[in-house]
Amino acid sequence: MSHTRLMFLASTLLLVTVATPALAQNEAYLQDYFEGRRVTLRMDMPGTQKGVNVHVDSRRDIDFADYGNDLRRYGIAIREGDTVMVTKVKVKDDLIEFQLAGGGFGTFWDDTDTSVYIPYVQTSERERSLERRIRLETNRTYRRQLERELDSLRDRRDRSNRRIQLDGERLAERKYERVLNQRLYGGSRFNLRFQGRVPYDIRPEDVMDMLREYVDFYRR
């Protein structure tokens, strides 16, 4: 292996080795500064862990079409003018999560599924037996008796399944309302997204500058 290649690999390894602790140190620094601090929102925040993406290196830092869709879909968890606590700051490779009042409903432990499964009544063994006997029965009178019994059993099963369907729809509606209510009280977050890695020397002042249009850090 050439000397130049060895130098390149050594430099790369050094950068990775230095960057990882620096990232952790920055996270701890930002956490100490922001977590527990109360801030006032300058915009409505959607009730989801998706939060609002702020692309700090782009010409338009927020996609307001996506933002509007999220407000309609998830509801408003934090309203413009509300004062809430910063509950978590997390630094990742190219992202800083700035979590507010819980960070938003929909994380790993949250049940966001609004569907309800209730099994339907299946064809009974008696129905299947009647179907077989009807196919083989040659006596027209007796076959009609068997057909009437089969029709009665099918009608009873259909009525039970209609009740089950209605019960499922009512339960799903209640579950949807419960999830929506949890979204409205689960907080939200900003996701500060960088085109490259989060700067190793980022300061709280930099984060406040990136969010200055959307968060008032000084009003109480």
Protein backbone atom coordinates (compact mmCIF):
# COMPACT_ATOMS: atom_id res chain seq x y z
CA MET A 1 0.00 0.00 0.00
CA SER A 2 1.36 3.42 -0.97
CA HIS A 3 2.40 6.01 1.56
CA THR A 4 -0.22 8.45 0.18
CA ARG A 5 -3.03 5.93 0.61
CA LEU A 6 -1.92 5.15 4.14
CA MET A 7 -1.94 8.84 4.99
CA PHE A 8 -5.43 9.22 3.51
CA LEU A 9 -6.82 6.30 5.53
CA ALA A 10 -5.20 7.58 8.69
CA SER A 11 -6.66 11.05 8.17
CA THR A 12 -10.13 9.61 7.54
CA LEU A 13 -9.94 7.47 10.66
CA LEU A 14 -8.83 10.47 12.69
CA LEU A 15 -11.75 12.57 11.44
CA VAL A 16 -14.27 9.87 12.31
CA THR A 17 -12.69 9.34 15.71
CA VAL A 18 -12.78 13.06 16.48
CA ALA A 19 -16.23 13.71 15.01
CA THR A 20 -18.11 11.14 17.10
CA PRO A 21 -17.12 12.51 20.54
CA ALA A 22 -17.58 16.06 19.24
CA LEU A 23 -21.13 15.20 18.20
CA ALA A 24 -21.86 13.74 21.62
CA GLN A 25 -20.35 16.76 23.34
CA ASN A 26 -22.46 19.11 21.22
CA GLU A 27 -25.59 17.14 22.05
CA ALA A 28 -24.87 17.34 25.78
CA TYR A 29 -24.12 21.06 25.46
CA LEU A 30 -27.37 21.75 23.60
CA GLN A 31 -29.35 19.58 26.02
CA ASP A 32 -27.96 21.43 29.03
CA TYR A 33 -28.84 24.75 27.44
CA PHE A 34 -32.33 24.03 26.04
CA GLU A 35 -33.97 21.13 27.87
CA GLY A 36 -36.38 22.38 30.52
CA ARG A 37 -36.42 25.85 29.00
CA ARG A 38 -39.81 27.32 28.07
CA VAL A 39 -40.28 28.82 24.62
CA THR A 40 -43.18 30.45 22.77
CA LEU A 41 -44.26 29.24 19.34
CA ARG A 42 -44.70 31.59 16.42
CA MET A 43 -46.56 29.00 14.35
CA ASP A 44 -49.02 26.15 14.85
CA MET A 45 -47.35 22.76 15.32
CA PRO A 46 -48.83 19.46 14.03
CA GLY A 47 -49.71 16.71 16.49
CA THR A 48 -47.22 14.15 15.25
CA GLN A 49 -43.70 12.93 15.93
CA LYS A 50 -42.93 13.90 12.30
CA GLY A 51 -42.95 17.51 13.45
CA VAL A 52 -41.86 20.29 11.10
CA ASN A 53 -38.79 19.86 8.91
CA VAL A 54 -36.53 22.92 8.70
CA HIS A 55 -33.93 22.57 5.93
CA VAL A 56 -31.32 24.97 7.23
CA ASP A 57 -29.14 24.95 4.09
CA SER A 58 -31.99 25.44 1.59
CA ARG A 59 -33.48 28.53 0.02
CA ARG A 60 -36.91 27.58 1.40
CA ASP A 61 -36.38 26.04 4.78
CA ILE A 62 -39.97 24.75 5.24
CA ASP A 63 -42.19 23.02 2.69
CA PHE A 64 -45.43 24.75 3.60
CA ALA A 65 -47.55 22.43 1.46
CA ASP A 66 -46.40 19.45 3.53
CA TYR A 67 -46.77 21.51 6.68
CA GLY A 68 -50.39 22.38 5.84
CA ASN A 69 -51.20 18.76 5.02
CA ASP A 70 -49.79 17.62 8.38
CA LEU A 71 -51.89 20.21 10.24
CA ARG A 72 -55.04 18.94 8.53
CA ARG A 73 -54.16 15.28 8.99
CA TYR A 74 -52.88 15.31 12.57
CA GLY A 75 -54.46 18.42 14.08
CA ILE A 76 -52.72 21.18 16.02
CA ALA A 77 -50.89 20.07 19.16
CA ILE A 78 -49.28 23.42 19.98
CA ARG A 79 -50.85 26.67 18.83
CA GLU A 80 -49.16 29.87 17.79
CA GLY A 81 -48.58 31.88 20.96
CA ASP A 82 -48.47 28.86 23.27
CA THR A 83 -45.54 28.62 25.67
CA VAL A 84 -44.22 25.08 26.17
CA MET A 85 -41.16 23.29 27.48
CA VAL A 86 -38.29 21.98 25.39
CA THR A 87 -38.31 18.33 26.50
CA LYS A 88 -35.55 16.82 24.36
CA VAL A 89 -32.72 17.85 22.03
CA LYS A 90 -31.12 15.06 20.04
CA VAL A 91 -28.19 15.43 17.63
CA LYS A 92 -27.85 12.88 14.82
CA ASP A 93 -25.54 12.76 11.81
CA ASP A 94 -27.39 15.32 9.67
CA LEU A 95 -30.26 16.22 11.96
CA ILE A 96 -31.09 17.98 15.21
CA GLU A 97 -34.40 17.04 16.81
CA PHE A 98 -35.82 19.91 18.84
CA GLN A 99 -38.68 18.31 20.78
CA LEU A 100 -41.45 20.33 22.41
CA ALA A 101 -43.88 19.26 25.14
CA GLY A 102 -43.16 15.56 24.60
CA GLY A 103 -41.97 15.53 21.00
CA GLY A 104 -45.20 14.51 19.26
CA PHE A 105 -47.51 11.51 19.32
CA GLY A 106 -46.59 8.56 17.10
CA THR A 107 -43.27 7.33 18.46
CA PHE A 108 -42.42 3.62 18.78
CA TRP A 109 -44.53 3.04 21.91
CA ASP A 110 -47.61 4.97 20.72
CA ASP A 111 -50.54 3.07 19.23
CA THR A 112 -51.49 5.02 16.10
CA ASP A 113 -53.56 2.25 14.49
CA THR A 114 -57.22 3.27 14.36
CA SER A 115 -58.48 0.04 12.80
CA VAL A 116 -60.43 -2.53 14.82
CA TYR A 117 -60.58 -6.24 14.00
CA ILE A 118 -63.58 -8.28 15.08
CA PRO A 119 -63.80 -11.73 13.45
CA TYR A 120 -66.95 -12.45 11.47
CA VAL A 121 -69.13 -15.50 12.03
CA GLN A 122 -67.99 -18.16 9.58
CA THR A 123 -70.04 -20.78 7.78
CA SER A 124 -71.05 -23.41 10.33
CA GLU A 125 -70.54 -27.12 10.03
CA ARG A 126 -74.35 -27.50 9.98
CA GLU A 127 -74.54 -25.23 6.92
CA ARG A 128 -71.87 -27.21 5.11
CA SER A 129 -73.64 -30.45 5.99
CA LEU A 130 -76.94 -29.12 4.64
CA GLU A 131 -75.27 -27.97 1.42
CA ARG A 132 -73.89 -31.48 0.87
CA ARG A 133 -77.23 -33.15 1.62
CA ILE A 134 -79.15 -30.78 -0.66
CA ARG A 135 -76.86 -31.62 -3.56
CA LEU A 136 -77.53 -35.34 -3.06
CA GLU A 137 -81.22 -35.24 -2.06
CA THR A 138 -83.63 -36.47 -4.76
CA ASN A 139 -86.85 -36.00 -2.82
CA ARG A 140 -88.11 -32.52 -3.78
CA THR A 141 -90.22 -32.04 -0.64
CA TYR A 142 -87.46 -33.00 1.74
CA ARG A 143 -84.92 -30.97 -0.26
CA ARG A 144 -87.07 -27.85 0.15
CA GLN A 145 -87.14 -28.45 3.90
CA LEU A 146 -83.37 -28.65 3.93
CA GLU A 147 -83.10 -25.49 1.81
CA ARG A 148 -85.39 -23.57 4.18
CA GLU A 149 -83.26 -24.58 7.14
CA LEU A 150 -80.09 -23.58 5.28
CA ASP A 151 -81.58 -20.21 4.31
CA SER A 152 -82.54 -19.60 7.95
CA LEU A 153 -79.01 -20.37 9.15
CA ARG A 154 -77.49 -18.12 6.47
CA ASP A 155 -79.84 -15.24 7.36
CA ARG A 156 -78.93 -15.61 11.04
CA ARG A 157 -75.21 -15.54 10.18
CA ASP A 158 -75.66 -12.49 7.94
CA ARG A 159 -77.50 -10.61 10.70
CA SER A 160 -74.73 -11.42 13.17
CA ASN A 161 -72.07 -10.22 10.74
CA ARG A 162 -73.92 -6.96 10.07
CA ARG A 163 -73.99 -6.32 13.83
CA ILE A 164 -70.29 -7.13 14.04
CA GLN A 165 -69.56 -4.72 11.18
CA LEU A 166 -71.49 -1.90 12.88
CA ASP A 167 -69.80 -2.63 16.21
CA GLY A 168 -66.40 -2.52 14.47
CA GLU A 169 -67.18 0.81 12.84
CA ARG A 170 -68.28 2.31 16.17
CA LEU A 171 -65.17 1.03 17.94
CA ALA A 172 -62.91 2.28 15.12
CA GLU A 173 -64.51 5.73 15.37
CA ARG A 174 -63.94 5.81 19.13
CA LYS A 175 -60.35 4.70 18.67
CA TYR A 176 -59.81 7.38 16.02
CA GLU A 177 -61.13 10.02 18.43
CA ARG A 178 -58.86 8.68 21.19
CA VAL A 179 -55.77 8.77 18.93
CA LEU A 180 -56.68 12.28 17.73
CA ASN A 181 -57.04 13.43 21.34
CA GLN A 182 -53.65 11.93 22.21
CA ARG A 183 -52.11 13.74 19.24
CA LEU A 184 -53.45 17.05 20.48
CA TYR A 185 -51.72 16.56 23.85
CA GLY A 186 -48.52 14.79 22.71
CA GLY A 187 -46.47 17.85 21.73
CA SER A 188 -44.50 18.27 18.51
CA ARG A 189 -40.98 18.99 17.28
CA PHE A 190 -38.73 20.74 14.81
CA ASN A 191 -36.29 18.71 12.74
CA LEU A 192 -33.29 20.84 11.77
CA ARG A 193 -31.98 19.09 8.67
CA PHE A 194 -28.52 19.73 7.21
CA GLN A 195 -27.25 18.82 3.74
CA GLY A 196 -24.13 17.38 5.34
CA ARG A 197 -23.26 16.48 8.89
CA VAL A 198 -24.31 18.66 11.79
CA PRO A 199 -21.44 21.15 12.33
CA TYR A 200 -19.17 19.87 15.07
CA ASP A 201 -18.95 23.35 16.63
CA ILE A 202 -22.66 24.21 16.57
CA ARG A 203 -23.78 26.42 19.45
CA PRO A 204 -27.15 27.11 21.10
CA GLU A 205 -27.07 30.55 19.46
CA ASP A 206 -26.90 28.86 16.06
CA VAL A 207 -29.94 26.71 16.82
CA MET A 208 -31.89 29.75 18.01
CA ASP A 209 -30.94 31.61 14.84
CA MET A 210 -32.19 28.71 12.69
CA LEU A 211 -35.53 28.74 14.53
CA ARG A 212 -35.91 32.48 15.09
CA GLU A 213 -38.84 32.82 12.63
CA TYR A 214 -40.77 30.03 14.32
CA VAL A 215 -39.81 30.14 18.01
CA ASP A 216 -39.53 33.01 20.48
CA PHE A 217 -36.84 32.00 22.97
CA TYR A 218 -37.15 35.07 25.15
CA ARG A 219 -40.86 35.86 25.65
CA ARG A 220 -42.35 34.52 28.86
